[in-house]
N, C-alpha and C. Protein backbone atom coordinates (compact mmCIF):
# COMPACT_ATOMS: atom_id res chain seq x y z
N MET A 1 78.13 82.30 23.55
CA MET A 1 76.43 81.69 23.33
C MET A 1 76.00 81.22 23.84
N ALA A 2 74.99 80.38 24.16
CA ALA A 2 74.74 79.45 25.11
C ALA A 2 74.26 78.98 23.78
N ASN A 3 74.00 77.69 24.69
CA ASN A 3 73.58 76.56 24.67
C ASN A 3 72.30 76.00 24.42
N VAL A 4 71.98 75.75 22.96
CA VAL A 4 69.85 76.27 23.31
C VAL A 4 69.72 74.77 22.29
N LYS A 5 68.58 74.10 23.01
CA LYS A 5 68.21 73.04 22.29
C LYS A 5 66.63 72.81 22.36
N ILE A 6 66.21 73.18 21.22
CA ILE A 6 64.26 72.92 21.53
C ILE A 6 63.66 71.57 21.33
N TYR A 7 63.18 70.68 21.93
CA TYR A 7 62.65 69.52 21.55
C TYR A 7 60.61 70.06 21.02
N THR A 8 60.65 69.36 19.33
CA THR A 8 59.61 70.22 18.80
C THR A 8 59.34 69.42 18.39
N THR A 9 57.52 69.32 17.95
CA THR A 9 56.98 68.60 16.65
C THR A 9 56.13 69.61 15.65
N PRO A 10 56.56 68.81 14.59
CA PRO A 10 55.59 69.71 13.31
C PRO A 10 54.56 70.31 13.47
N THR A 11 53.72 70.12 14.03
CA THR A 11 52.82 71.03 14.46
C THR A 11 52.26 71.55 15.18
N CYS A 12 53.39 71.75 16.19
CA CYS A 12 53.74 72.84 17.76
C CYS A 12 53.51 74.10 17.10
N VAL A 13 52.00 74.70 17.57
CA VAL A 13 52.39 76.20 16.80
C VAL A 13 53.37 77.27 18.22
N TYR A 14 53.44 76.67 19.76
CA TYR A 14 54.38 77.40 20.77
C TYR A 14 55.93 77.12 19.92
N CYS A 15 56.35 76.44 19.37
CA CYS A 15 57.58 75.52 18.91
C CYS A 15 57.86 76.78 17.82
N LYS A 16 56.64 76.53 17.15
CA LYS A 16 56.76 77.41 15.82
C LYS A 16 57.08 79.03 16.29
N MET A 17 56.80 79.16 17.39
CA MET A 17 56.57 80.62 18.29
C MET A 17 58.02 80.86 18.93
N ALA A 18 58.63 79.74 19.23
CA ALA A 18 59.80 79.77 20.08
C ALA A 18 61.10 80.01 19.17
N LYS A 19 60.87 79.08 17.83
CA LYS A 19 61.99 79.17 17.02
C LYS A 19 61.88 80.33 16.32
N SER A 20 60.87 81.30 15.88
CA SER A 20 60.83 82.50 15.50
C SER A 20 61.42 83.76 16.67
N PHE A 21 60.87 83.57 17.60
CA PHE A 21 61.82 84.21 18.54
C PHE A 21 63.44 84.27 18.25
N PHE A 22 63.98 82.62 18.35
CA PHE A 22 65.30 82.60 18.58
C PHE A 22 65.87 83.22 17.29
N GLN A 23 65.27 83.24 16.03
CA GLN A 23 65.51 83.79 14.63
C GLN A 23 65.33 85.64 14.58
N GLU A 24 64.78 86.01 15.37
CA GLU A 24 64.46 87.45 15.51
C GLU A 24 65.82 87.81 15.99
N HIS A 25 65.81 87.02 17.44
CA HIS A 25 67.23 87.42 18.39
C HIS A 25 68.42 86.67 17.64
N SER A 26 68.77 86.29 16.48
CA SER A 26 70.27 85.56 15.78
C SER A 26 70.31 84.34 17.35
N VAL A 27 69.71 83.89 18.18
CA VAL A 27 70.17 82.81 18.73
C VAL A 27 70.37 81.37 17.86
N GLN A 28 71.00 81.48 17.77
CA GLN A 28 71.46 79.68 17.08
C GLN A 28 70.59 78.83 18.48
N TYR A 29 70.76 77.13 17.81
CA TYR A 29 69.96 76.46 18.56
C TYR A 29 69.53 75.08 17.47
N GLU A 30 70.24 73.88 17.99
CA GLU A 30 69.49 72.60 18.21
C GLU A 30 68.62 72.00 17.88
N GLU A 31 67.39 71.45 17.09
CA GLU A 31 65.90 70.65 16.68
C GLU A 31 65.58 69.69 17.12
N LYS A 32 65.16 69.31 17.81
CA LYS A 32 64.85 68.09 17.68
C LYS A 32 63.60 67.68 18.04
N ASN A 33 63.26 66.73 16.70
CA ASN A 33 61.69 66.41 16.62
C ASN A 33 61.39 65.04 17.17
N VAL A 34 60.64 65.29 18.66
CA VAL A 34 60.29 64.28 19.02
C VAL A 34 59.41 63.23 18.47
N ALA A 35 58.40 63.97 17.28
CA ALA A 35 57.83 62.77 16.94
C ALA A 35 57.76 61.74 16.03
N THR A 36 59.36 61.90 15.32
CA THR A 36 60.23 61.06 14.90
C THR A 36 61.52 60.13 15.14
N ASP A 37 61.74 61.08 16.59
CA ASP A 37 63.18 60.81 17.35
C ASP A 37 62.61 60.02 19.15
N ALA A 38 62.69 58.95 18.57
CA ALA A 38 62.44 58.10 20.26
C ALA A 38 63.94 58.57 20.78
N VAL A 39 64.44 58.70 20.82
CA VAL A 39 65.60 59.26 21.88
C VAL A 39 65.67 60.37 22.10
N ALA A 40 65.52 61.27 21.34
CA ALA A 40 65.27 62.48 21.65
C ALA A 40 64.19 62.82 22.68
N ARG A 41 62.57 62.22 22.31
CA ARG A 41 61.64 62.01 23.14
C ARG A 41 62.09 61.42 24.93
N ASP A 42 62.76 60.44 24.74
CA ASP A 42 63.24 59.54 25.77
C ASP A 42 64.29 61.18 26.49
N GLU A 43 64.93 61.68 26.03
CA GLU A 43 65.64 62.64 26.68
C GLU A 43 65.03 64.00 26.85
N MET A 44 63.87 64.31 26.13
CA MET A 44 63.41 65.51 26.78
C MET A 44 62.62 65.14 27.61
N VAL A 45 61.53 63.95 28.07
CA VAL A 45 60.77 63.29 29.20
C VAL A 45 62.21 63.74 30.39
N GLN A 46 63.03 63.01 30.29
CA GLN A 46 63.95 62.96 31.07
C GLN A 46 64.66 64.24 31.40
N LYS A 47 64.67 65.10 30.97
CA LYS A 47 65.10 66.40 31.13
C LYS A 47 63.59 67.13 31.85
N SER A 48 62.59 67.27 31.43
CA SER A 48 61.04 67.91 31.74
C SER A 48 60.76 67.43 32.90
N GLY A 49 60.30 65.44 32.49
CA GLY A 49 58.96 64.96 33.29
C GLY A 49 57.98 64.74 32.65
N GLN A 50 57.82 65.35 30.93
CA GLN A 50 56.42 65.51 30.75
C GLN A 50 56.73 65.18 28.92
N LEU A 51 55.48 65.06 28.45
CA LEU A 51 55.42 64.73 26.94
C LEU A 51 55.31 66.32 26.27
N GLY A 52 54.83 67.33 26.39
CA GLY A 52 54.21 68.50 26.03
C GLY A 52 55.32 69.44 25.55
N VAL A 53 55.56 69.89 24.31
CA VAL A 53 56.32 70.40 23.65
C VAL A 53 55.87 71.93 23.85
N PRO A 54 57.07 73.24 23.25
CA PRO A 54 58.25 72.63 23.37
C PRO A 54 58.57 72.56 24.62
N VAL A 55 60.11 71.88 24.63
CA VAL A 55 60.83 71.99 25.92
C VAL A 55 62.19 72.43 25.39
N ILE A 56 62.74 73.32 25.73
CA ILE A 56 63.42 74.29 25.31
C ILE A 56 65.27 74.28 26.77
N ASP A 57 66.16 73.17 26.17
CA ASP A 57 67.11 73.64 27.41
C ASP A 57 68.42 74.61 27.06
N ILE A 58 68.41 75.73 27.99
CA ILE A 58 69.64 76.85 27.53
C ILE A 58 70.56 76.82 28.77
N ASP A 59 71.31 75.61 28.32
CA ASP A 59 72.76 75.75 29.05
C ASP A 59 72.20 74.80 30.38
N GLY A 60 71.39 73.78 29.98
CA GLY A 60 71.05 73.10 31.48
C GLY A 60 69.33 73.61 32.49
N ASN A 61 69.17 75.07 31.28
CA ASN A 61 67.73 75.20 32.37
C ASN A 61 66.71 74.64 31.44
N ILE A 62 65.61 74.41 32.00
CA ILE A 62 64.63 73.70 30.91
C ILE A 62 63.48 74.98 31.12
N VAL A 63 62.89 75.36 29.66
CA VAL A 63 61.55 75.94 29.94
C VAL A 63 60.43 75.54 29.25
N VAL A 64 59.82 74.73 29.61
CA VAL A 64 58.53 74.18 29.35
C VAL A 64 57.49 75.00 28.66
N GLY A 65 57.51 75.11 27.25
CA GLY A 65 56.26 75.93 26.83
C GLY A 65 57.18 77.19 26.42
N PHE A 66 56.49 78.14 25.39
CA PHE A 66 56.99 79.57 25.16
C PHE A 66 56.99 80.60 26.21
N ASP A 67 57.84 80.81 26.31
CA ASP A 67 57.63 81.91 28.43
C ASP A 67 58.72 82.66 27.29
N GLN A 68 58.30 84.07 27.13
CA GLN A 68 59.46 84.55 25.94
C GLN A 68 59.99 85.32 27.19
N GLN A 69 59.83 85.94 28.83
CA GLN A 69 60.21 86.38 29.27
C GLN A 69 61.20 85.32 29.83
N LYS A 70 61.11 84.61 30.21
CA LYS A 70 62.14 83.66 30.63
C LYS A 70 63.35 82.77 29.66
N LEU A 71 62.88 83.48 28.78
CA LEU A 71 64.07 82.97 27.77
C LEU A 71 64.73 84.09 27.06
N SER A 72 63.90 85.15 27.62
CA SER A 72 65.21 86.67 27.37
C SER A 72 65.58 86.45 28.49
N GLU A 73 65.22 86.40 29.37
CA GLU A 73 66.56 86.56 30.74
C GLU A 73 67.01 85.52 30.64
N LEU A 74 67.48 84.24 29.96
CA LEU A 74 68.22 83.46 30.00
C LEU A 74 68.97 83.22 28.93
N LEU A 75 68.58 83.81 28.02
CA LEU A 75 69.52 84.67 26.62
C LEU A 75 70.12 86.20 26.64
N ARG A 76 69.62 86.47 27.44
CA ARG A 76 70.28 88.03 27.79
C ARG A 76 69.94 89.07 26.78
N VAL A 77 68.53 88.79 26.05
CA VAL A 77 68.38 89.37 24.68
C VAL A 77 67.22 90.32 24.76
């Protein structure tokens, strides 16, 4: 199973869409709220080079935004 980490904020619509996508496909993930977790925010910026969310890390592959096709390819769902 893939190691999935998603960096989010509570009001992000695309974050909610990504989490729904994961739930629909039974993908386990770790969520980091960058609005309240400065360490996670710094980690996200280091990985993606930006402050926009969601940033999704799948086994070291970084996906910025909710790119359903890319997520499907990386997760093989």
